[in-house]
Structure formats: structure tokens, C-alpha cells
């Protein structure tokens, strides 16, 4: 084979355009994905104006994690004094965590995805209520969760 010329294994093939590694590129869609705040079965799904989030079964005392990086925007309670925590994320996205206890963060604190922020409150059944909002409008959390 006298006409063969060795080429380095990592050299680009002539005539083949360089393309970006799409796995290394962050897009608006991948950047907006959220992690599950607790592990468990969804016991109540999203129904606009009836259940503005999802309810995830988890034992009382189970650690609740931030679904994404953000800033704690509010810590409040509902009319039954059940604690509610709200985290503001990029792109006008909010995540809401209810039926929690032992809150580990303060209003204004920065949080990272996966950081423990509270625990599931004792109830029968015990569960985390989790909402995603675009501004103040509730949206189905499932398309955002990985």
C-alpha cells in the first residue's frame, strides 16, 4: 500500500465540518430542568386550579432538596399554619414546597440543586406538595422534572 499516509486518530477527517459536542452544550431546555425534591410516588397529580402542583409520598422526616439553584424568596404558612417555602430560579421560575417542617434555610439565602432545605412534615399520609410557577402562574411540574 504505497499510497497510504498515516493520519492521527484524533485528526479531523478532510471535508468533515467540525460540529459542537451537543452533550456539552447547555440549552434553555436543559438549563430549566429540575431535580425531584424527594424520592417517592406521585399520589396526586397536577390539575390547574384544583391542585396547582404534585403531591409526592415520602415518610415524615424525609429530607427535601432544592429542585435547582436559586434564592429563597419566601418562607410563609398557609391558613392551617402548614409551612411553605418558595425558591426563585432563573427565567422567572419559582418552585414551591409545602407540607414541610424543620426548614434549614432563610429568606434571601442562595441554594444549590440537591441542597437539603427542609423535611417532610408529619401527616397521614405524609407527602411533599411541590409546585412550579412561571411568575405567579402555576404550571405542570412534570415536564420540568428529570
N, C-alpha and C. Protein backbone atom coordinates (compact mmCIF):
# COMPACT_ATOMS: atom_id res chain seq x y z
N UNK A 1 0.84 -1.18 0.00
CA UNK A 1 0.00 0.00 0.00
C UNK A 1 0.88 1.23 0.00
N UNK A 2 1.55 1.51 -1.06
CA UNK A 2 2.49 2.63 -1.09
C UNK A 2 1.81 4.00 -1.02
N UNK A 3 0.52 4.14 -1.42
CA UNK A 3 -0.13 5.46 -1.42
C UNK A 3 -0.76 5.82 -0.08
N UNK A 4 -0.72 4.94 0.91
CA UNK A 4 -1.33 5.24 2.21
C UNK A 4 -0.46 6.20 2.99
N UNK A 5 -1.12 7.13 3.66
CA UNK A 5 -0.43 8.06 4.54
C UNK A 5 -1.08 7.98 5.91
N UNK A 6 -0.33 7.68 6.95
CA UNK A 6 -0.93 7.59 8.27
C UNK A 6 -1.47 8.94 8.73
N UNK A 7 -2.61 8.90 9.40
CA UNK A 7 -3.25 10.10 9.95
C UNK A 7 -3.50 9.84 11.43
N UNK A 8 -3.26 10.85 12.24
CA UNK A 8 -3.51 10.70 13.68
C UNK A 8 -4.97 10.35 13.92
N UNK A 9 -5.22 9.50 14.93
CA UNK A 9 -6.58 9.03 15.22
C UNK A 9 -7.53 10.17 15.55
N UNK A 10 -7.03 11.24 16.17
CA UNK A 10 -7.92 12.34 16.55
C UNK A 10 -7.93 13.48 15.55
N UNK A 11 -7.30 13.29 14.41
CA UNK A 11 -7.29 14.35 13.39
C UNK A 11 -8.64 14.38 12.69
N UNK A 12 -9.13 15.59 12.35
CA UNK A 12 -10.41 15.68 11.65
C UNK A 12 -10.32 15.06 10.27
N UNK A 13 -11.37 14.43 9.85
CA UNK A 13 -11.44 13.84 8.53
C UNK A 13 -11.59 14.97 7.52
N UNK A 14 -10.78 14.97 6.45
CA UNK A 14 -10.89 16.05 5.46
C UNK A 14 -12.31 16.13 4.89
N UNK A 15 -12.83 17.35 4.78
CA UNK A 15 -14.15 17.56 4.22
C UNK A 15 -15.27 17.41 5.23
N UNK A 16 -14.97 17.04 6.47
CA UNK A 16 -15.99 16.90 7.50
C UNK A 16 -16.00 18.15 8.36
N UNK A 17 -17.13 18.89 8.40
CA UNK A 17 -17.15 20.11 9.21
C UNK A 17 -17.08 19.78 10.70
N UNK A 18 -16.43 20.66 11.45
CA UNK A 18 -16.39 20.50 12.90
C UNK A 18 -17.77 20.80 13.45
N UNK A 19 -18.28 19.96 14.33
CA UNK A 19 -19.56 20.24 14.97
C UNK A 19 -19.38 20.21 16.47
N UNK A 20 -20.19 21.04 17.18
CA UNK A 20 -20.05 21.07 18.64
C UNK A 20 -20.53 19.77 19.27
N UNK A 21 -19.97 19.45 20.41
CA UNK A 21 -20.43 18.31 21.20
C UNK A 21 -21.72 18.73 21.87
N UNK A 22 -22.86 18.26 21.37
CA UNK A 22 -24.15 18.70 21.89
C UNK A 22 -24.34 18.30 23.34
N UNK A 23 -23.66 17.27 23.79
CA UNK A 23 -23.76 16.89 25.19
C UNK A 23 -23.13 17.92 26.11
N UNK A 24 -22.22 18.74 25.58
CA UNK A 24 -21.57 19.74 26.42
C UNK A 24 -22.26 21.10 26.33
N UNK A 25 -23.24 21.22 25.48
CA UNK A 25 -23.93 22.49 25.29
C UNK A 25 -25.14 22.57 26.20
N UNK A 26 -25.29 23.67 26.92
CA UNK A 26 -26.49 23.88 27.75
C UNK A 26 -27.46 24.71 26.94
N UNK A 27 -28.67 24.24 26.85
CA UNK A 27 -29.70 24.97 26.14
C UNK A 27 -30.71 25.47 27.16
N UNK A 28 -31.63 26.32 26.72
CA UNK A 28 -32.68 26.81 27.63
C UNK A 28 -33.46 25.63 28.19
N UNK A 29 -33.71 24.62 27.36
CA UNK A 29 -34.48 23.46 27.82
C UNK A 29 -33.72 22.68 28.89
N UNK A 30 -32.42 22.42 28.66
CA UNK A 30 -31.68 21.63 29.65
C UNK A 30 -31.42 22.44 30.91
N UNK A 31 -31.25 23.74 30.78
CA UNK A 31 -30.98 24.57 31.94
C UNK A 31 -32.21 24.68 32.84
N UNK A 32 -33.40 24.50 32.27
CA UNK A 32 -34.62 24.68 33.06
C UNK A 32 -35.06 23.39 33.76
N UNK A 33 -34.41 22.27 33.48
CA UNK A 33 -34.79 21.01 34.10
C UNK A 33 -34.56 21.06 35.61
N UNK A 34 -35.46 20.42 36.34
CA UNK A 34 -35.40 20.40 37.79
C UNK A 34 -35.20 18.97 38.28
N UNK A 35 -34.61 18.84 39.45
CA UNK A 35 -34.48 17.55 40.10
C UNK A 35 -35.67 17.33 41.02
N UNK A 36 -36.03 16.08 41.25
CA UNK A 36 -37.11 15.78 42.20
C UNK A 36 -36.67 16.22 43.60
N UNK A 37 -37.54 16.92 44.32
CA UNK A 37 -37.17 17.39 45.66
C UNK A 37 -37.15 16.28 46.71
N UNK A 38 -37.90 15.20 46.49
CA UNK A 38 -37.87 14.00 47.34
C UNK A 38 -38.08 12.79 46.43
N UNK A 39 -37.64 11.63 46.91
CA UNK A 39 -37.92 10.39 46.20
C UNK A 39 -39.24 9.84 46.72
N UNK A 40 -40.09 9.43 45.82
CA UNK A 40 -41.37 8.85 46.22
C UNK A 40 -42.34 8.80 45.07
N UNK A 41 -43.48 8.19 45.31
CA UNK A 41 -44.52 8.07 44.29
C UNK A 41 -45.38 9.32 44.29
N UNK A 42 -45.83 9.70 43.11
CA UNK A 42 -46.75 10.83 43.00
C UNK A 42 -48.14 10.31 43.34
N UNK A 43 -48.71 10.85 44.43
CA UNK A 43 -50.01 10.36 44.89
C UNK A 43 -51.14 11.29 44.46
N UNK A 44 -50.80 12.46 43.96
CA UNK A 44 -51.81 13.38 43.44
C UNK A 44 -51.16 14.22 42.36
N UNK A 45 -51.75 14.20 41.17
CA UNK A 45 -51.17 14.92 40.04
C UNK A 45 -51.63 16.37 39.96
N UNK A 46 -51.04 17.07 39.00
CA UNK A 46 -51.36 18.47 38.75
C UNK A 46 -52.71 18.60 38.06
N UNK A 47 -53.57 19.45 38.62
CA UNK A 47 -54.85 19.80 37.99
C UNK A 47 -55.02 21.30 38.22
N UNK A 48 -54.89 22.08 37.15
CA UNK A 48 -54.94 23.54 37.27
C UNK A 48 -56.15 23.99 38.09
N UNK A 49 -55.91 24.88 39.03
CA UNK A 49 -56.90 25.49 39.92
C UNK A 49 -57.51 24.52 40.94
N UNK A 50 -57.10 23.25 40.91
CA UNK A 50 -57.57 22.29 41.92
C UNK A 50 -56.40 21.79 42.75
N UNK A 51 -55.33 21.39 42.07
CA UNK A 51 -54.08 21.02 42.74
C UNK A 51 -52.97 21.61 41.88
N UNK A 52 -52.49 22.78 42.29
CA UNK A 52 -51.54 23.55 41.47
C UNK A 52 -50.12 22.99 41.51
N UNK A 53 -49.98 21.74 41.91
CA UNK A 53 -48.67 21.09 41.94
C UNK A 53 -48.87 19.60 41.95
N UNK A 54 -47.88 18.90 42.47
CA UNK A 54 -47.99 17.45 42.63
C UNK A 54 -47.72 17.11 44.09
N UNK A 55 -48.30 16.03 44.56
CA UNK A 55 -48.04 15.54 45.91
C UNK A 55 -47.22 14.27 45.78
N UNK A 56 -46.06 14.26 46.46
CA UNK A 56 -45.13 13.14 46.39
C UNK A 56 -45.09 12.46 47.75
N UNK A 57 -45.46 11.18 47.80
CA UNK A 57 -45.44 10.42 49.06
C UNK A 57 -44.01 10.28 49.55
N UNK A 58 -43.81 10.58 50.83
CA UNK A 58 -42.50 10.42 51.46
C UNK A 58 -42.73 10.36 52.96
N UNK A 59 -41.94 9.56 53.64
CA UNK A 59 -42.08 9.42 55.09
C UNK A 59 -41.79 10.73 55.79
N UNK A 60 -42.50 10.97 56.88
CA UNK A 60 -42.23 12.16 57.70
C UNK A 60 -40.76 12.16 58.09
N UNK A 61 -40.14 13.32 57.99
CA UNK A 61 -38.72 13.45 58.33
C UNK A 61 -37.79 13.27 57.15
N UNK A 62 -38.33 12.85 55.98
CA UNK A 62 -37.51 12.70 54.79
C UNK A 62 -36.98 14.06 54.37
N UNK A 63 -35.71 14.11 54.01
CA UNK A 63 -35.08 15.36 53.58
C UNK A 63 -35.69 15.85 52.27
N UNK A 64 -35.98 17.15 52.20
CA UNK A 64 -36.50 17.81 51.00
C UNK A 64 -35.35 18.64 50.43
N UNK A 65 -35.07 18.49 49.13
CA UNK A 65 -33.96 19.18 48.49
C UNK A 65 -34.45 20.23 47.51
N UNK A 66 -33.64 21.27 47.32
CA UNK A 66 -33.93 22.29 46.31
C UNK A 66 -33.91 21.62 44.94
N UNK A 67 -34.91 21.91 44.11
CA UNK A 67 -35.01 21.31 42.79
C UNK A 67 -33.99 21.88 41.81
N UNK A 68 -33.48 23.08 42.10
CA UNK A 68 -32.50 23.74 41.24
C UNK A 68 -31.83 24.86 42.02
N UNK A 69 -30.75 25.40 41.48
CA UNK A 69 -30.09 26.55 42.08
C UNK A 69 -31.07 27.72 42.12
N UNK A 70 -31.00 28.52 43.16
CA UNK A 70 -31.88 29.69 43.25
C UNK A 70 -31.68 30.44 44.54
N UNK A 71 -32.65 31.30 44.84
CA UNK A 71 -32.65 32.11 46.05
C UNK A 71 -33.97 31.92 46.77
N UNK A 72 -33.92 31.75 48.09
CA UNK A 72 -35.14 31.59 48.87
C UNK A 72 -35.89 32.93 48.83
N UNK A 73 -37.07 32.91 48.20
CA UNK A 73 -37.85 34.14 48.01
C UNK A 73 -38.83 34.37 49.15
N UNK A 74 -39.35 33.30 49.75
CA UNK A 74 -40.33 33.46 50.83
C UNK A 74 -40.39 32.21 51.68
N UNK A 75 -40.67 32.43 52.95
CA UNK A 75 -40.99 31.35 53.88
C UNK A 75 -42.24 31.83 54.61
N UNK A 76 -43.32 31.09 54.46
CA UNK A 76 -44.60 31.52 55.00
C UNK A 76 -45.38 30.29 55.47
N UNK A 77 -46.68 30.44 55.67
CA UNK A 77 -47.53 29.31 56.06
C UNK A 77 -48.91 29.52 55.46
N UNK A 78 -49.63 28.42 55.26
CA UNK A 78 -51.00 28.54 54.75
C UNK A 78 -51.94 28.83 55.92
N UNK A 79 -53.23 28.86 55.66
CA UNK A 79 -54.21 29.21 56.69
C UNK A 79 -54.25 28.20 57.83
N UNK A 80 -53.76 26.98 57.59
CA UNK A 80 -53.68 25.95 58.64
C UNK A 80 -52.31 25.94 59.32
N UNK A 81 -51.51 26.97 59.05
CA UNK A 81 -50.15 27.10 59.61
C UNK A 81 -49.19 26.01 59.12
N UNK A 82 -49.46 25.45 57.93
CA UNK A 82 -48.54 24.50 57.32
C UNK A 82 -47.46 25.31 56.59
N UNK A 83 -46.18 25.10 56.93
CA UNK A 83 -45.10 25.89 56.31
C UNK A 83 -45.02 25.72 54.79
N UNK A 84 -44.67 26.84 54.14
CA UNK A 84 -44.48 26.90 52.69
C UNK A 84 -43.16 27.61 52.43
N UNK A 85 -42.35 27.07 51.53
CA UNK A 85 -41.08 27.68 51.15
C UNK A 85 -41.09 27.90 49.65
N UNK A 86 -40.64 29.08 49.20
CA UNK A 86 -40.62 29.42 47.78
C UNK A 86 -39.18 29.76 47.38
N UNK A 87 -38.71 29.14 46.29
CA UNK A 87 -37.37 29.43 45.76
C UNK A 87 -37.53 30.03 44.37
N UNK A 88 -36.82 31.15 44.14
CA UNK A 88 -36.81 31.81 42.83
C UNK A 88 -35.60 31.31 42.05
N UNK A 89 -35.86 30.92 40.79
CA UNK A 89 -34.81 30.41 39.90
C UNK A 89 -34.70 31.33 38.68
N UNK A 90 -33.77 31.01 37.79
CA UNK A 90 -33.61 31.77 36.55
C UNK A 90 -34.89 31.67 35.71
N UNK A 91 -35.03 32.57 34.76
CA UNK A 91 -36.14 32.57 33.80
C UNK A 91 -37.51 32.73 34.45
N UNK A 92 -37.58 33.50 35.56
CA UNK A 92 -38.86 33.81 36.20
C UNK A 92 -39.58 32.55 36.71
N UNK A 93 -38.81 31.52 37.03
CA UNK A 93 -39.36 30.26 37.51
C UNK A 93 -39.30 30.23 39.04
N UNK A 94 -40.39 29.77 39.65
CA UNK A 94 -40.45 29.59 41.10
C UNK A 94 -40.77 28.14 41.39
N UNK A 95 -40.19 27.60 42.48
CA UNK A 95 -40.62 26.30 42.98
C UNK A 95 -41.17 26.52 44.38
N UNK A 96 -42.25 25.80 44.68
CA UNK A 96 -42.95 25.95 45.95
C UNK A 96 -42.97 24.58 46.64
N UNK A 97 -42.60 24.58 47.92
CA UNK A 97 -42.52 23.36 48.72
C UNK A 97 -43.45 23.54 49.91
N UNK A 98 -44.44 22.66 50.06
CA UNK A 98 -45.39 22.78 51.18
C UNK A 98 -45.52 21.42 51.86
N UNK A 99 -46.08 21.47 53.07
CA UNK A 99 -46.19 20.31 53.94
C UNK A 99 -44.80 19.89 54.41
N UNK A 100 -44.04 20.91 54.83
CA UNK A 100 -42.66 20.71 55.26
C UNK A 100 -42.50 21.15 56.72
N UNK A 101 -41.36 20.83 57.27
CA UNK A 101 -41.01 21.18 58.65
C UNK A 101 -39.50 21.34 58.72
N UNK A 102 -39.01 21.79 59.87
CA UNK A 102 -37.57 21.90 60.13
C UNK A 102 -36.84 22.57 58.96
N UNK A 103 -37.31 23.76 58.58
CA UNK A 103 -36.72 24.49 57.46
C UNK A 103 -35.27 24.84 57.79
N UNK A 104 -34.36 24.52 56.85
CA UNK A 104 -32.93 24.67 57.07
C UNK A 104 -32.32 25.90 56.41
N UNK A 105 -33.13 26.72 55.73
CA UNK A 105 -32.63 27.90 55.01
C UNK A 105 -33.41 29.13 55.47
N UNK A 106 -32.88 30.30 55.13
CA UNK A 106 -33.54 31.55 55.49
C UNK A 106 -33.89 32.32 54.23
N UNK A 107 -34.86 33.22 54.34
CA UNK A 107 -35.24 34.06 53.21
C UNK A 107 -34.00 34.83 52.75
N UNK A 108 -33.81 34.87 51.43
CA UNK A 108 -32.67 35.56 50.83
C UNK A 108 -31.44 34.69 50.63
N UNK A 109 -31.45 33.48 51.20
CA UNK A 109 -30.29 32.58 51.08
C UNK A 109 -30.20 32.00 49.67
N UNK A 110 -28.98 31.82 49.19
CA UNK A 110 -28.75 31.12 47.93
C UNK A 110 -28.75 29.63 48.21
N UNK A 111 -29.38 28.86 47.32
CA UNK A 111 -29.40 27.41 47.46
C UNK A 111 -28.92 26.77 46.17
N UNK A 112 -28.40 25.57 46.29
CA UNK A 112 -27.93 24.79 45.15
C UNK A 112 -28.85 23.60 44.93
N UNK A 113 -28.94 23.17 43.70
CA UNK A 113 -29.73 21.99 43.37
C UNK A 113 -29.27 20.83 44.25
N UNK A 114 -30.23 20.14 44.87
CA UNK A 114 -29.93 19.00 45.72
C UNK A 114 -29.63 19.35 47.17
N UNK A 115 -29.52 20.65 47.48
CA UNK A 115 -29.23 21.07 48.86
C UNK A 115 -30.45 20.81 49.75
N UNK A 116 -30.27 20.19 50.91
CA UNK A 116 -31.39 20.00 51.83
C UNK A 116 -31.94 21.35 52.30
N UNK A 117 -33.27 21.51 52.21
CA UNK A 117 -33.89 22.78 52.61
C UNK A 117 -34.91 22.61 53.73
N UNK A 118 -35.41 21.38 53.93
CA UNK A 118 -36.43 21.12 54.95
C UNK A 118 -36.61 19.61 55.05
N UNK A 119 -37.61 19.19 55.83
CA UNK A 119 -38.01 17.78 55.87
C UNK A 119 -39.52 17.70 55.66
N UNK A 120 -39.97 16.52 55.26
CA UNK A 120 -41.40 16.29 55.09
C UNK A 120 -42.07 16.31 56.47
N UNK A 121 -43.17 17.02 56.55
CA UNK A 121 -43.93 17.19 57.79
C UNK A 121 -44.72 15.91 58.10
N UNK A 122 -44.94 15.66 59.38
CA UNK A 122 -45.74 14.51 59.82
C UNK A 122 -47.19 14.75 59.39
N UNK A 123 -47.77 13.78 58.72
CA UNK A 123 -49.18 13.85 58.28
C UNK A 123 -49.62 12.43 57.94
N UNK A 124 -50.91 12.26 57.71
CA UNK A 124 -51.43 10.95 57.34
C UNK A 124 -52.28 11.09 56.09
N UNK A 125 -51.74 10.82 54.91
CA UNK A 125 -50.40 10.30 54.66
C UNK A 125 -49.36 11.43 54.65
N UNK A 126 -48.10 11.08 54.86
CA UNK A 126 -47.01 12.06 54.77
C UNK A 126 -46.66 12.25 53.30
N UNK A 127 -46.50 13.51 52.89
CA UNK A 127 -46.18 13.81 51.49
C UNK A 127 -45.60 15.22 51.39
N UNK A 128 -44.94 15.48 50.27
CA UNK A 128 -44.49 16.83 49.93
C UNK A 128 -45.39 17.36 48.83
N UNK A 129 -45.90 18.57 49.01
CA UNK A 129 -46.63 19.25 47.93
C UNK A 129 -45.60 20.12 47.22
N UNK A 130 -45.45 19.94 45.90
CA UNK A 130 -44.43 20.63 45.11
C UNK A 130 -45.08 21.32 43.92
N UNK A 131 -44.81 22.61 43.76
CA UNK A 131 -45.35 23.38 42.64
C UNK A 131 -44.23 24.02 41.84
N UNK A 132 -44.50 24.24 40.56
CA UNK A 132 -43.64 25.04 39.69
C UNK A 132 -44.50 26.17 39.15
N UNK A 133 -43.96 27.38 39.20
CA UNK A 133 -44.69 28.55 38.71
C UNK A 133 -43.82 29.34 37.76
N UNK A 134 -44.44 29.83 36.69
CA UNK A 134 -43.81 30.79 35.78
C UNK A 134 -44.38 32.12 36.21
N UNK A 135 -43.58 32.94 36.89
CA UNK A 135 -44.13 34.13 37.52
C UNK A 135 -45.05 33.64 38.62
N UNK A 136 -46.31 34.10 38.61
CA UNK A 136 -47.26 33.64 39.63
C UNK A 136 -48.22 32.59 39.10
N UNK A 137 -48.07 32.22 37.82
CA UNK A 137 -48.96 31.25 37.17
C UNK A 137 -48.46 29.83 37.40
N UNK A 138 -49.32 28.96 37.95
CA UNK A 138 -48.89 27.57 38.16
C UNK A 138 -48.81 26.85 36.82
N UNK A 139 -47.82 25.96 36.73
CA UNK A 139 -47.65 25.12 35.54
C UNK A 139 -47.44 23.68 36.01
N UNK A 140 -47.69 22.73 35.14
CA UNK A 140 -47.50 21.32 35.47
C UNK A 140 -46.01 21.07 35.73
N UNK A 141 -45.64 20.60 36.92
CA UNK A 141 -44.23 20.37 37.23
C UNK A 141 -43.58 19.24 36.42
N UNK A 142 -44.36 18.27 35.96
CA UNK A 142 -43.78 17.07 35.36
C UNK A 142 -42.85 17.34 34.18
N UNK A 143 -43.18 18.24 33.24
CA UNK A 143 -42.25 18.48 32.14
C UNK A 143 -40.89 19.05 32.60
N UNK A 144 -40.84 19.64 33.78
CA UNK A 144 -39.60 20.22 34.29
C UNK A 144 -38.74 19.22 35.05
N UNK A 145 -39.36 18.17 35.56
CA UNK A 145 -38.64 17.21 36.41
C UNK A 145 -37.90 16.18 35.58
N UNK A 146 -36.74 15.78 36.05
CA UNK A 146 -35.94 14.76 35.35
C UNK A 146 -36.14 13.42 36.03
